[in-house]
Amino acid sequence: MDSRQITQEQQPWLLENGDPKRLTKEARHGHGRSRNVHNLSTSSLRKRSGYTLLSKDHRACLQTVLVNIQEVILGTKLSILFSAIPAAILAHYFGLGRAWIFILSLLGLTPLAERVSFLTEQIAFFTGPTVGGLLNATCGNITELIIAIFALSNNQIAVVKYSLLGSILSNLLLVLGTSLLCGGIANLGVEQK
């Protein structure tokens, strides 16, 4: 076969063709053909470093972790009260008084309790209703459990007794009473049986 009879499809890399738009991807990268001008360029000879690919994975993983931490910590309007936690520690350190320490600690516990509730609901979403209900019942009272453990470690049994009594009365009377009241108001026109 004469070199003049070679079509552009057979030798697309010839410079005299003057039509670089007809170069296929296989021709540019030399798949199944000999090396040519296009597949000898510096960009195609350069090998990708495994380190950069690994660091992209780490960056993506780190970004996912940071987004999740942001959702957990800043995902509520109560997140402004997180600043009360270091303020309570500083109030204790500088001896501002028990009332200030109590108020700041109470304000700091509010967003923590809400976030624990949020996290148990998220775990329940993935584990199912049985495990989720158990986690919600356990972690829903985690603040009371922590207070009871600290009170017991300081030999303040009366505080633990009153804390448990307050928790029981709160759940039996306040929550149940509020639920019945709101249910009655919502269903005023409906006959209750």
N, C-alpha and C. Protein backbone atom coordinates (compact mmCIF):
# COMPACT_ATOMS: atom_id res chain seq x y z
N MET A 1 0.85 -1.17 0.00
CA MET A 1 0.00 0.00 0.00
C MET A 1 0.90 1.23 0.00
N ASP A 2 0.61 2.17 -0.84
CA ASP A 2 1.39 3.40 -0.97
C ASP A 2 1.05 4.34 0.18
N SER A 3 2.04 5.15 0.61
CA SER A 3 1.81 6.05 1.74
C SER A 3 0.82 7.16 1.39
N ARG A 4 0.64 7.44 0.07
CA ARG A 4 -0.33 8.46 -0.31
C ARG A 4 -1.75 7.93 -0.20
N GLN A 5 -1.93 6.64 -0.23
CA GLN A 5 -3.25 6.05 -0.18
C GLN A 5 -3.73 5.81 1.26
N ILE A 6 -2.92 6.14 2.25
CA ILE A 6 -3.32 5.92 3.65
C ILE A 6 -4.36 6.97 4.02
N THR A 7 -5.45 6.52 4.54
CA THR A 7 -6.53 7.44 4.90
C THR A 7 -6.25 8.10 6.24
N GLN A 8 -7.04 9.12 6.52
CA GLN A 8 -6.86 9.83 7.78
C GLN A 8 -7.21 8.95 8.97
N GLU A 9 -8.12 7.99 8.80
CA GLU A 9 -8.47 7.11 9.91
C GLU A 9 -7.32 6.18 10.27
N GLN A 10 -6.49 5.83 9.27
CA GLN A 10 -5.38 4.94 9.55
C GLN A 10 -4.21 5.68 10.18
N GLN A 11 -3.95 6.91 9.77
CA GLN A 11 -2.86 7.70 10.35
C GLN A 11 -3.38 9.09 10.70
N PRO A 12 -4.11 9.23 11.77
CA PRO A 12 -4.68 10.53 12.10
C PRO A 12 -3.66 11.49 12.66
N TRP A 13 -2.46 11.01 12.97
CA TRP A 13 -1.47 11.89 13.60
C TRP A 13 -0.59 12.62 12.61
N LEU A 14 -0.75 12.35 11.32
CA LEU A 14 0.08 13.04 10.33
C LEU A 14 -0.24 14.53 10.34
N LEU A 15 0.80 15.34 10.44
CA LEU A 15 0.61 16.78 10.54
C LEU A 15 0.09 17.38 9.25
N GLU A 16 0.37 16.71 8.11
CA GLU A 16 -0.11 17.30 6.88
C GLU A 16 -1.61 17.13 6.70
N ASN A 17 -2.24 16.31 7.53
CA ASN A 17 -3.69 16.17 7.42
C ASN A 17 -4.37 17.51 7.70
N GLY A 18 -3.83 18.27 8.64
CA GLY A 18 -4.36 19.58 8.95
C GLY A 18 -5.74 19.57 9.58
N ASP A 19 -6.21 18.43 10.03
CA ASP A 19 -7.53 18.34 10.63
C ASP A 19 -7.42 17.66 12.00
N PRO A 20 -6.98 18.39 13.02
CA PRO A 20 -6.80 17.76 14.33
C PRO A 20 -8.12 17.40 15.01
N LYS A 21 -9.25 17.89 14.50
CA LYS A 21 -10.53 17.58 15.13
C LYS A 21 -10.93 16.13 14.91
N ARG A 22 -10.34 15.50 13.91
CA ARG A 22 -10.70 14.13 13.62
C ARG A 22 -9.96 13.13 14.48
N LEU A 23 -9.08 13.59 15.34
CA LEU A 23 -8.33 12.67 16.18
C LEU A 23 -9.27 12.05 17.21
N THR A 24 -9.26 10.76 17.24
CA THR A 24 -10.08 10.07 18.23
C THR A 24 -9.31 9.96 19.54
N LYS A 25 -10.02 9.59 20.56
CA LYS A 25 -9.39 9.44 21.87
C LYS A 25 -8.36 8.32 21.84
N GLU A 26 -8.69 7.25 21.13
CA GLU A 26 -7.75 6.13 21.04
C GLU A 26 -6.48 6.54 20.31
N ALA A 27 -6.64 7.37 19.28
CA ALA A 27 -5.47 7.81 18.53
C ALA A 27 -4.61 8.75 19.35
N ARG A 28 -5.24 9.63 20.12
CA ARG A 28 -4.47 10.57 20.94
C ARG A 28 -3.70 9.85 22.04
N HIS A 29 -4.27 8.82 22.60
CA HIS A 29 -3.63 8.13 23.72
C HIS A 29 -2.89 6.87 23.29
N GLY A 30 -2.92 6.56 22.02
CA GLY A 30 -2.11 5.47 21.50
C GLY A 30 -2.61 4.09 21.86
N HIS A 31 -3.91 3.92 22.03
CA HIS A 31 -4.43 2.60 22.35
C HIS A 31 -4.41 1.74 21.10
N GLY A 32 -3.62 0.69 21.13
CA GLY A 32 -3.55 -0.22 20.00
C GLY A 32 -2.71 0.30 18.86
N ARG A 33 -2.03 1.42 19.01
CA ARG A 33 -1.22 1.99 17.95
C ARG A 33 0.15 2.33 18.51
N SER A 34 1.01 2.71 17.63
CA SER A 34 2.35 3.09 18.08
C SER A 34 2.30 4.48 18.71
N ARG A 35 3.41 4.86 19.32
CA ARG A 35 3.47 6.18 19.95
C ARG A 35 3.42 7.26 18.90
N ASN A 36 2.73 8.34 19.23
CA ASN A 36 2.63 9.46 18.32
C ASN A 36 2.84 10.75 19.09
N VAL A 37 2.67 11.86 18.40
CA VAL A 37 2.92 13.17 19.01
C VAL A 37 1.97 13.41 20.17
N HIS A 38 0.73 13.01 20.03
CA HIS A 38 -0.25 13.32 21.06
C HIS A 38 -0.09 12.47 22.30
N ASN A 39 0.28 11.20 22.14
CA ASN A 39 0.42 10.41 23.36
C ASN A 39 1.82 10.48 23.95
N LEU A 40 2.69 11.28 23.36
CA LEU A 40 4.01 11.52 23.94
C LEU A 40 4.08 12.87 24.63
N SER A 41 2.96 13.56 24.73
CA SER A 41 2.98 14.87 25.38
C SER A 41 3.26 14.69 26.87
N THR A 42 3.67 15.78 27.49
CA THR A 42 4.06 15.69 28.91
C THR A 42 2.88 15.35 29.80
N SER A 43 1.68 15.78 29.42
CA SER A 43 0.54 15.49 30.29
C SER A 43 0.19 14.02 30.28
N SER A 44 0.37 13.34 29.15
CA SER A 44 0.04 11.92 29.14
C SER A 44 1.19 11.06 29.64
N LEU A 45 2.42 11.58 29.61
CA LEU A 45 3.55 10.82 30.16
C LEU A 45 3.62 10.92 31.68
N ARG A 46 3.07 11.99 32.21
CA ARG A 46 3.12 12.20 33.64
C ARG A 46 2.24 11.19 34.35
N LYS A 47 2.77 10.50 35.32
CA LYS A 47 1.98 9.54 36.07
C LYS A 47 1.41 10.23 37.29
N ARG A 48 0.20 9.88 37.61
CA ARG A 48 -0.43 10.46 38.78
C ARG A 48 0.15 9.84 40.04
N SER A 49 0.42 10.70 40.97
CA SER A 49 0.99 10.24 42.23
C SER A 49 -0.10 9.63 43.09
N GLY A 50 0.19 8.52 43.69
CA GLY A 50 -0.75 7.90 44.60
C GLY A 50 -0.98 8.74 45.84
N TYR A 51 0.00 9.57 46.20
CA TYR A 51 -0.13 10.40 47.39
C TYR A 51 -1.21 11.45 47.20
N THR A 52 -1.29 12.06 46.02
CA THR A 52 -2.32 13.08 45.82
C THR A 52 -3.70 12.45 45.83
N LEU A 53 -3.82 11.28 45.26
CA LEU A 53 -5.12 10.62 45.29
C LEU A 53 -5.49 10.24 46.72
N LEU A 54 -4.51 9.82 47.50
CA LEU A 54 -4.77 9.46 48.89
C LEU A 54 -5.16 10.69 49.69
N SER A 55 -4.48 11.81 49.44
CA SER A 55 -4.80 13.01 50.19
C SER A 55 -6.17 13.55 49.81
N LYS A 56 -6.61 13.35 48.57
CA LYS A 56 -7.95 13.76 48.20
C LYS A 56 -8.98 12.94 48.97
N ASP A 57 -8.71 11.65 49.15
CA ASP A 57 -9.61 10.82 49.93
C ASP A 57 -9.65 11.29 51.38
N HIS A 58 -8.47 11.61 51.93
CA HIS A 58 -8.43 12.09 53.31
C HIS A 58 -9.15 13.42 53.44
N ARG A 59 -8.98 14.30 52.45
CA ARG A 59 -9.67 15.58 52.50
C ARG A 59 -11.18 15.39 52.44
N ALA A 60 -11.63 14.49 51.59
CA ALA A 60 -13.07 14.23 51.50
C ALA A 60 -13.59 13.64 52.80
N CYS A 61 -12.82 12.73 53.39
CA CYS A 61 -13.22 12.14 54.66
C CYS A 61 -13.23 13.19 55.76
N LEU A 62 -12.20 14.03 55.79
CA LEU A 62 -12.12 15.09 56.80
C LEU A 62 -13.26 16.08 56.61
N GLN A 63 -13.58 16.40 55.36
CA GLN A 63 -14.68 17.32 55.10
C GLN A 63 -16.00 16.73 55.57
N THR A 64 -16.20 15.44 55.35
CA THR A 64 -17.42 14.79 55.81
C THR A 64 -17.52 14.82 57.32
N VAL A 65 -16.40 14.54 57.99
CA VAL A 65 -16.39 14.57 59.46
C VAL A 65 -16.69 15.97 59.97
N LEU A 66 -16.08 16.99 59.36
CA LEU A 66 -16.30 18.37 59.81
C LEU A 66 -17.74 18.81 59.57
N VAL A 67 -18.33 18.39 58.46
CA VAL A 67 -19.73 18.74 58.20
C VAL A 67 -20.63 18.07 59.23
N ASN A 68 -20.35 16.82 59.58
CA ASN A 68 -21.16 16.13 60.58
C ASN A 68 -21.00 16.75 61.96
N ILE A 69 -19.78 17.14 62.32
CA ILE A 69 -19.56 17.80 63.61
C ILE A 69 -20.30 19.13 63.65
N GLN A 70 -20.24 19.86 62.53
CA GLN A 70 -20.97 21.13 62.47
C GLN A 70 -22.47 20.90 62.63
N GLU A 71 -23.00 19.85 62.02
CA GLU A 71 -24.42 19.55 62.14
C GLU A 71 -24.79 19.19 63.57
N VAL A 72 -23.93 18.44 64.24
CA VAL A 72 -24.22 18.02 65.60
C VAL A 72 -24.13 19.19 66.56
N ILE A 73 -23.09 19.99 66.45
CA ILE A 73 -22.88 21.07 67.43
C ILE A 73 -23.71 22.31 67.09
N LEU A 74 -23.72 22.70 65.83
CA LEU A 74 -24.39 23.95 65.46
C LEU A 74 -25.75 23.72 64.80
N GLY A 75 -26.29 22.53 64.89
CA GLY A 75 -27.54 22.21 64.21
C GLY A 75 -28.79 22.65 64.94
N THR A 76 -28.68 23.44 65.97
CA THR A 76 -29.84 23.89 66.73
C THR A 76 -29.68 25.36 67.08
N LYS A 77 -30.81 25.98 67.37
CA LYS A 77 -30.76 27.38 67.79
C LYS A 77 -30.22 27.50 69.21
N LEU A 78 -30.23 26.41 69.95
CA LEU A 78 -29.71 26.42 71.32
C LEU A 78 -28.19 26.38 71.37
N SER A 79 -27.54 26.28 70.22
CA SER A 79 -26.08 26.17 70.22
C SER A 79 -25.39 27.41 70.79
N ILE A 80 -26.10 28.52 70.84
CA ILE A 80 -25.52 29.73 71.44
C ILE A 80 -25.27 29.51 72.93
N LEU A 81 -26.02 28.59 73.54
CA LEU A 81 -25.87 28.34 74.97
C LEU A 81 -24.65 27.46 75.28
N PHE A 82 -23.99 26.93 74.25
CA PHE A 82 -22.76 26.17 74.51
C PHE A 82 -21.68 27.04 75.14
N SER A 83 -21.76 28.34 74.91
CA SER A 83 -20.77 29.23 75.52
C SER A 83 -20.92 29.31 77.03
N ALA A 84 -22.05 28.85 77.57
CA ALA A 84 -22.24 28.86 79.03
C ALA A 84 -21.40 27.79 79.72
N ILE A 85 -20.96 26.77 78.99
CA ILE A 85 -20.16 25.70 79.61
C ILE A 85 -18.80 26.22 80.04
N PRO A 86 -18.00 26.84 79.14
CA PRO A 86 -16.74 27.40 79.64
C PRO A 86 -16.95 28.55 80.61
N ALA A 87 -18.07 29.27 80.47
CA ALA A 87 -18.34 30.36 81.42
C ALA A 87 -18.59 29.79 82.82
N ALA A 88 -19.26 28.64 82.92
CA ALA A 88 -19.48 28.01 84.22
C ALA A 88 -18.17 27.53 84.82
N ILE A 89 -17.29 27.00 83.99
CA ILE A 89 -15.98 26.56 84.48
C ILE A 89 -15.17 27.75 84.98
N LEU A 90 -15.20 28.85 84.24
CA LEU A 90 -14.49 30.06 84.66
C LEU A 90 -15.11 30.65 85.92
N ALA A 91 -16.44 30.58 86.04
CA ALA A 91 -17.10 31.09 87.25
C ALA A 91 -16.68 30.28 88.47
N HIS A 92 -16.54 28.98 88.30
CA HIS A 92 -16.06 28.14 89.41
C HIS A 92 -14.60 28.45 89.73
N TYR A 93 -13.80 28.65 88.70
CA TYR A 93 -12.38 28.91 88.89
C TYR A 93 -12.14 30.25 89.60
N PHE A 94 -12.90 31.27 89.22
CA PHE A 94 -12.72 32.58 89.83
C PHE A 94 -13.57 32.79 91.08
N GLY A 95 -14.37 31.79 91.47
CA GLY A 95 -15.15 31.86 92.70
C GLY A 95 -16.25 32.91 92.68
N LEU A 96 -17.04 32.96 91.62
CA LEU A 96 -18.09 33.97 91.50
C LEU A 96 -19.30 33.68 92.37
N GLY A 97 -19.42 32.51 92.90
CA GLY A 97 -20.56 32.18 93.74
C GLY A 97 -21.33 31.00 93.16
N ARG A 98 -22.00 30.32 94.06
CA ARG A 98 -22.72 29.11 93.64
C ARG A 98 -23.91 29.41 92.73
N ALA A 99 -24.55 30.53 92.94
CA ALA A 99 -25.72 30.86 92.11
C ALA A 99 -25.31 31.04 90.64
N TRP A 100 -24.21 31.75 90.40
CA TRP A 100 -23.73 31.94 89.04
C TRP A 100 -23.29 30.62 88.42
N ILE A 101 -22.61 29.80 89.19
CA ILE A 101 -22.16 28.50 88.67
C ILE A 101 -23.36 27.64 88.32
N PHE A 102 -24.39 27.64 89.19
CA PHE A 102 -25.59 26.84 88.93
C PHE A 102 -26.31 27.32 87.68
N ILE A 103 -26.51 28.62 87.56
CA ILE A 103 -27.25 29.17 86.41
C ILE A 103 -26.50 28.90 85.11
N LEU A 104 -25.19 29.13 85.11
CA LEU A 104 -24.42 28.88 83.89
C LEU A 104 -24.35 27.39 83.55
N SER A 105 -24.27 26.54 84.57
CA SER A 105 -24.27 25.09 84.32
C SER A 105 -25.60 24.63 83.77
N LEU A 106 -26.69 25.18 84.31
CA LEU A 106 -28.02 24.83 83.81
C LEU A 106 -28.19 25.27 82.36
N LEU A 107 -27.72 26.46 82.05
CA LEU A 107 -27.79 26.93 80.66
C LEU A 107 -26.91 26.08 79.74
N GLY A 108 -25.78 25.60 80.25
CA GLY A 108 -24.90 24.75 79.44
C GLY A 108 -25.47 23.35 79.24
N LEU A 109 -26.24 22.87 80.22
CA LEU A 109 -26.84 21.53 80.09
C LEU A 109 -27.99 21.49 79.09
N THR A 110 -28.64 22.61 78.87
CA THR A 110 -29.80 22.65 77.98
C THR A 110 -29.46 22.22 76.55
N PRO A 111 -28.46 22.81 75.89
CA PRO A 111 -28.16 22.34 74.53
C PRO A 111 -27.55 20.95 74.51
N LEU A 112 -26.84 20.57 75.58
CA LEU A 112 -26.28 19.21 75.62
C LEU A 112 -27.38 18.17 75.67
N ALA A 113 -28.41 18.41 76.48
CA ALA A 113 -29.53 17.46 76.56
C ALA A 113 -30.27 17.38 75.23
N GLU A 114 -30.44 18.52 74.57
CA GLU A 114 -31.12 18.52 73.28
C GLU A 114 -30.31 17.78 72.22
N ARG A 115 -29.00 17.94 72.23
CA ARG A 115 -28.15 17.26 71.25
C ARG A 115 -28.08 15.76 71.52
N VAL A 116 -28.11 15.35 72.78
CA VAL A 116 -28.15 13.91 73.09
C VAL A 116 -29.44 13.32 72.56
N SER A 117 -30.55 14.03 72.71
CA SER A 117 -31.82 13.57 72.17
C SER A 117 -31.76 13.47 70.65
N PHE A 118 -31.17 14.46 70.00
CA PHE A 118 -31.03 14.45 68.54
C PHE A 118 -30.20 13.26 68.09
N LEU A 119 -29.08 13.01 68.77
CA LEU A 119 -28.20 11.91 68.36
C LEU A 119 -28.86 10.55 68.57
N THR A 120 -29.61 10.39 69.66
CA THR A 120 -30.30 9.10 69.85
C THR A 120 -31.38 8.90 68.80
N GLU A 121 -32.04 9.98 68.38
CA GLU A 121 -33.02 9.85 67.29
C GLU A 121 -32.34 9.47 65.98
N GLN A 122 -31.16 10.02 65.72
CA GLN A 122 -30.43 9.68 64.50
C GLN A 122 -29.96 8.24 64.53
N ILE A 123 -29.50 7.77 65.68
CA ILE A 123 -29.09 6.37 65.81
C ILE A 123 -30.30 5.47 65.66
N ALA A 124 -31.44 5.87 66.23
CA ALA A 124 -32.66 5.07 66.12
C ALA A 124 -33.14 4.98 64.68
N PHE A 125 -32.86 5.99 63.89
CA PHE A 125 -33.24 5.97 62.48
C PHE A 125 -32.54 4.84 61.75
N PHE A 126 -31.29 4.54 62.12
CA PHE A 126 -30.51 3.50 61.45
C PHE A 126 -30.62 2.14 62.11
N THR A 127 -30.96 2.07 63.39
CA THR A 127 -30.96 0.79 64.09
C THR A 127 -32.34 0.16 64.19
N GLY A 128 -33.38 0.92 64.04
CA GLY A 128 -34.72 0.38 64.14
C GLY A 128 -35.43 0.87 65.39
N PRO A 129 -36.74 0.60 65.47
CA PRO A 129 -37.52 1.18 66.57
C PRO A 129 -37.22 0.57 67.94
N THR A 130 -36.87 -0.71 68.01
CA THR A 130 -36.64 -1.33 69.31
C THR A 130 -35.37 -0.81 69.95
N VAL A 131 -34.28 -0.89 69.23
CA VAL A 131 -33.00 -0.40 69.76
C VAL A 131 -33.07 1.11 69.94
N GLY A 132 -33.74 1.79 69.03
CA GLY A 132 -33.88 3.24 69.14
C GLY A 132 -34.67 3.65 70.37
N GLY A 133 -35.74 2.93 70.67
CA GLY A 133 -36.51 3.22 71.88
C GLY A 133 -35.71 2.98 73.14
N LEU A 134 -34.92 1.90 73.14
CA LEU A 134 -34.07 1.61 74.30
C LEU A 134 -33.01 2.70 74.48
N LEU A 135 -32.38 3.10 73.38
CA LEU A 135 -31.39 4.17 73.46
C LEU A 135 -32.02 5.50 73.88
N ASN A 136 -33.20 5.78 73.37
CA ASN A 136 -33.87 7.03 73.73
C ASN A 136 -34.24 7.05 75.20
N ALA A 137 -34.72 5.93 75.72
CA ALA A 137 -35.06 5.87 77.15
C ALA A 137 -33.82 5.96 78.02
N THR A 138 -32.72 5.36 77.56
CA THR A 138 -31.48 5.39 78.35
C THR A 138 -30.82 6.75 78.28
N CYS A 139 -30.65 7.27 77.08
CA CYS A 139 -29.91 8.53 76.92
C CYS A 139 -30.78 9.74 77.20
N GLY A 140 -32.09 9.58 77.22
CA GLY A 140 -32.96 10.71 77.53
C GLY A 140 -32.77 11.21 78.95
N ASN A 141 -32.33 10.34 79.83
CA ASN A 141 -32.12 10.71 81.23
C ASN A 141 -30.64 10.72 81.58
N ILE A 142 -29.78 10.90 80.60
CA ILE A 142 -28.34 10.83 80.85
C ILE A 142 -27.86 11.97 81.74
N THR A 143 -28.48 13.15 81.63
CA THR A 143 -28.06 14.26 82.48
C THR A 143 -28.38 13.97 83.94
N GLU A 144 -29.55 13.39 84.19
CA GLU A 144 -29.90 13.02 85.56
C GLU A 144 -28.97 11.93 86.09
N LEU A 145 -28.59 11.02 85.20
CA LEU A 145 -27.68 9.95 85.61
C LEU A 145 -26.30 10.52 85.96
N ILE A 146 -25.82 11.46 85.18
CA ILE A 146 -24.51 12.08 85.47
C ILE A 146 -24.56 12.84 86.78
N ILE A 147 -25.63 13.59 86.99
CA ILE A 147 -25.76 14.33 88.26
C ILE A 147 -25.82 13.36 89.43
N ALA A 148 -26.56 12.26 89.27
CA ALA A 148 -26.66 11.27 90.35
C ALA A 148 -25.31 10.62 90.63
N ILE A 149 -24.52 10.34 89.61
CA ILE A 149 -23.20 9.73 89.82
C ILE A 149 -22.28 10.68 90.56
N PHE A 150 -22.27 11.96 90.16
CA PHE A 150 -21.43 12.93 90.86
C PHE A 150 -21.90 13.15 92.30
N ALA A 151 -23.22 13.16 92.51
CA ALA A 151 -23.73 13.34 93.88
C ALA A 151 -23.38 12.13 94.74
N LEU A 152 -23.47 10.94 94.19
CA LEU A 152 -23.10 9.74 94.95
C LEU A 152 -21.61 9.70 95.25
N SER A 153 -20.80 10.16 94.31
CA SER A 153 -19.36 10.17 94.56
C SER A 153 -18.98 11.17 95.66
N ASN A 154 -19.81 12.20 95.86
CA ASN A 154 -19.57 13.17 96.94
C ASN A 154 -20.39 12.84 98.18
N ASN A 155 -20.98 11.64 98.23
CA ASN A 155 -21.75 11.14 99.38
C ASN A 155 -22.95 12.04 99.69
N GLN A 156 -23.64 12.50 98.67
CA GLN A 156 -24.83 13.32 98.83
C GLN A 156 -26.05 12.51 98.41
N ILE A 157 -26.43 11.58 99.26
CA ILE A 157 -27.51 10.64 98.95
C ILE A 157 -28.85 11.36 98.90
N ALA A 158 -29.04 12.37 99.72
CA ALA A 158 -30.31 13.11 99.71
C ALA A 158 -30.54 13.79 98.35
N VAL A 159 -29.47 14.30 97.75
CA VAL A 159 -29.60 14.94 96.43
C VAL A 159 -30.04 13.92 95.40
N VAL A 160 -29.50 12.71 95.48
CA VAL A 160 -29.87 11.65 94.53
C VAL A 160 -31.33 11.27 94.73
N LYS A 161 -31.77 11.14 95.98
CA LYS A 161 -33.17 10.78 96.25
C LYS A 161 -34.12 11.83 95.70
N TYR A 162 -33.82 13.09 95.98
CA TYR A 162 -34.71 14.16 95.52
C TYR A 162 -34.66 14.32 94.00
N SER A 163 -33.52 14.06 93.42
CA SER A 163 -33.41 14.11 91.96
C SER A 163 -34.26 13.03 91.32
N LEU A 164 -34.20 11.83 91.85
CA LEU A 164 -35.04 10.74 91.32
C LEU A 164 -36.52 11.02 91.54
N LEU A 165 -36.87 11.52 92.73
CA LEU A 165 -38.26 11.84 93.00
C LEU A 165 -38.76 12.94 92.06
N GLY A 166 -37.94 13.96 91.84
CA GLY A 166 -38.32 15.03 90.92
C GLY A 166 -38.47 14.53 89.49
N SER A 167 -37.61 13.63 89.09
CA SER A 167 -37.69 13.07 87.74
C SER A 167 -38.97 12.25 87.56
N ILE A 168 -39.28 11.45 88.55
CA ILE A 168 -40.49 10.62 88.47
C ILE A 168 -41.74 11.48 88.46
N LEU A 169 -41.80 12.46 89.36
CA LEU A 169 -42.97 13.34 89.41
C LEU A 169 -43.09 14.17 88.14
N SER A 170 -41.97 14.61 87.62
CA SER A 170 -41.99 15.40 86.39
C SER A 170 -42.53 14.58 85.23
N ASN A 171 -42.06 13.35 85.11
CA ASN A 171 -42.52 12.51 84.00
C ASN A 171 -43.96 12.07 84.19
N LEU A 172 -44.37 11.77 85.42
CA LEU A 172 -45.73 11.30 85.65
C LEU A 172 -46.76 12.42 85.58
N LEU A 173 -46.47 13.53 86.23
CA LEU A 173 -47.47 14.58 86.34
C LEU A 173 -47.34 15.63 85.25
N LEU A 174 -46.17 16.19 85.09
CA LEU A 174 -46.01 17.30 84.16
C LEU A 174 -46.18 16.86 82.71
N VAL A 175 -45.46 15.83 82.31
CA VAL A 175 -45.52 15.39 80.91
C VAL A 175 -46.89 14.81 80.58
N LEU A 176 -47.40 13.94 81.45
CA LEU A 176 -48.71 13.34 81.19
C LEU A 176 -49.82 14.40 81.22
N GLY A 177 -49.77 15.29 82.20
CA GLY A 177 -50.78 16.34 82.29
C GLY A 177 -50.75 17.28 81.10
N THR A 178 -49.56 17.66 80.67
CA THR A 178 -49.44 18.55 79.51
C THR A 178 -49.93 17.85 78.25
N SER A 179 -49.65 16.56 78.12
CA SER A 179 -50.11 15.80 76.95
C SER A 179 -51.63 15.72 76.93
N LEU A 180 -52.24 15.45 78.08
CA LEU A 180 -53.70 15.38 78.14
C LEU A 180 -54.33 16.73 77.85
N LEU A 181 -53.75 17.80 78.38
CA LEU A 181 -54.28 19.14 78.15
C LEU A 181 -54.19 19.52 76.67
N CYS A 182 -53.04 19.31 76.06
CA CYS A 182 -52.86 19.65 74.64
C CYS A 182 -53.74 18.79 73.75
N GLY A 183 -53.87 17.50 74.09
CA GLY A 183 -54.75 16.63 73.31
C GLY A 183 -56.20 17.04 73.41
N GLY A 184 -56.62 17.49 74.60
CA GLY A 184 -57.99 17.96 74.77
C GLY A 184 -58.26 19.24 74.02
N ILE A 185 -57.28 20.15 74.03
CA ILE A 185 -57.45 21.42 73.31
C ILE A 185 -57.48 21.18 71.80
N ALA A 186 -56.65 20.27 71.31
CA ALA A 186 -56.59 20.00 69.87
C ALA A 186 -57.86 19.33 69.37
N ASN A 187 -58.54 18.60 70.23
CA ASN A 187 -59.74 17.86 69.82
C ASN A 187 -60.97 18.36 70.57
N LEU A 188 -61.20 19.67 70.56
CA LEU A 188 -62.33 20.23 71.30
C LEU A 188 -63.68 19.78 70.74
N GLY A 189 -63.82 19.68 69.45
CA GLY A 189 -65.09 19.33 68.85
C GLY A 189 -65.35 17.84 68.79
N VAL A 190 -64.37 17.02 69.15
CA VAL A 190 -64.50 15.57 69.04
C VAL A 190 -64.89 15.01 70.40
N GLU A 191 -65.83 14.07 70.40
CA GLU A 191 -66.25 13.45 71.65
C GLU A 191 -65.17 12.47 72.12
N GLN A 192 -64.77 12.60 73.36
CA GLN A 192 -63.75 11.73 73.94
C GLN A 192 -64.41 10.49 74.53
N LYS A 193 -63.88 9.33 74.26
CA LYS A 193 -64.44 8.08 74.80
C LYS A 193 -63.46 7.44 75.72
